[in-house]
Amino acid sequence: MAPVIAHVIAASRPGGPGVLHRIDVDLPAPGPGEVLVRHTAIGVNFIDTYFRTGLYDWPVERDLVLGAEAAGVVEATGSGVEGFSPGQRVAYTLPHGAYASHRLVPAAALVALPDTVSDEVAAASMLKGLTAYYLLHHSCRVQAGDQVLFHAGAGGVGLIAGQWLAHKGVTAWATAGGPEKCALARAHGYGEAIDYRTEDFVARVRELSGGRGVRAVYDSVGRDTFRGSLACLATFGTLVSFGQSSGPVTDFQVSDLAKGSFTLTRPVLFHFTTSRDWLTQAAHELFDLIGRGVLKIEVNQRYALADAAEAHRALEARKTTGSTILIP
């Protein structure tokens, strides 16, 4: 095959959105077990900002290509690849490397897209949808009748989780910033949405739960909410910490869990996706619910790939709702 030049957006060094810049990369033909994918849509997530700022360790010295989820079309396959062929629509989630027009992807990380799921929806739901899947089925396996609190309910993961929780018969309450985001959360499965800007979410959860607290709190906010999240738990409750958009938690002691025999877990999606069986099963369930209309994926912001820095600024300023994607 002819050489392919991929246009990528990379961070030259840890820092603000201004460190993002375009570089061109010559891609070789796919090697054994690799697939060349031409991206059609790329997801934007808070994990991208964690890598960009240096909050998460860099795997390279400079020019780190960001991006943790994308969808596209198979252009070519390497030796030993089975189940994928040129022209096939696919999607994946990996920790970084997706801000690119083309990419060599391990076949083990790819899933085929059904006709019922568009490229944009897939790029907006692979990382976030699979995150919601492990949160509700593994980190704390909730069931009908449970009560839970989900922070950032109007965000990409939050909107998917709210619908999934409602589908499972779980009573879920969300926090969000401002009346518009609270209304959006309520429209996506949450029984109540608490405006953290004007309300004490701990007091409100205690009121809603009749003073008992909730079985689980799902917290991707971190420093600003961690203490309050613990205070919302019922005895034997579970705090699932899966992000830190407000900054890392630095004042925690193991003895803090003794107040209610609490469980604290800090899961990572990419530990789950190392299992091919887990990946295919979780993606199948996600795509099935999307195809049946149980889960509606809201792509509310679209930017050109070249404008990734602007997408980061909007995300970090909490000016976005639902999912944001980049178009190569």
Foldseek 3Di string as FASTA:
>chain_A
DDKDKKWFWFQFAADALVSTDIDIDTDDAAAPQKWKWFFFKFFDDVLQNCVNNCVDPDPDHGGFGAGFKTKGFTCCYYPPDPDHDGGFIKMFGDGGDPLMRMDIDRSLGIDGADPLADRHLRNQQQVLVLVLVCVCPPQPPDAAPFEEEEEQLQAANNLQNQLVCVVRNYAYEYEHADDVSQVSSVVRHHPGYHHPVPDDVLVVLCVVVVNQAGQEYEAAQAQVCPVSRLSRHGAQHEYEHAHHLPDHHDPDDPCSCVVRVYHYDHDDSVVQSVDSVSSHVSVVVSSVCSSVVSGDQDAPEEEASRVVSVVSVCVSVVVDGTIYMHGD
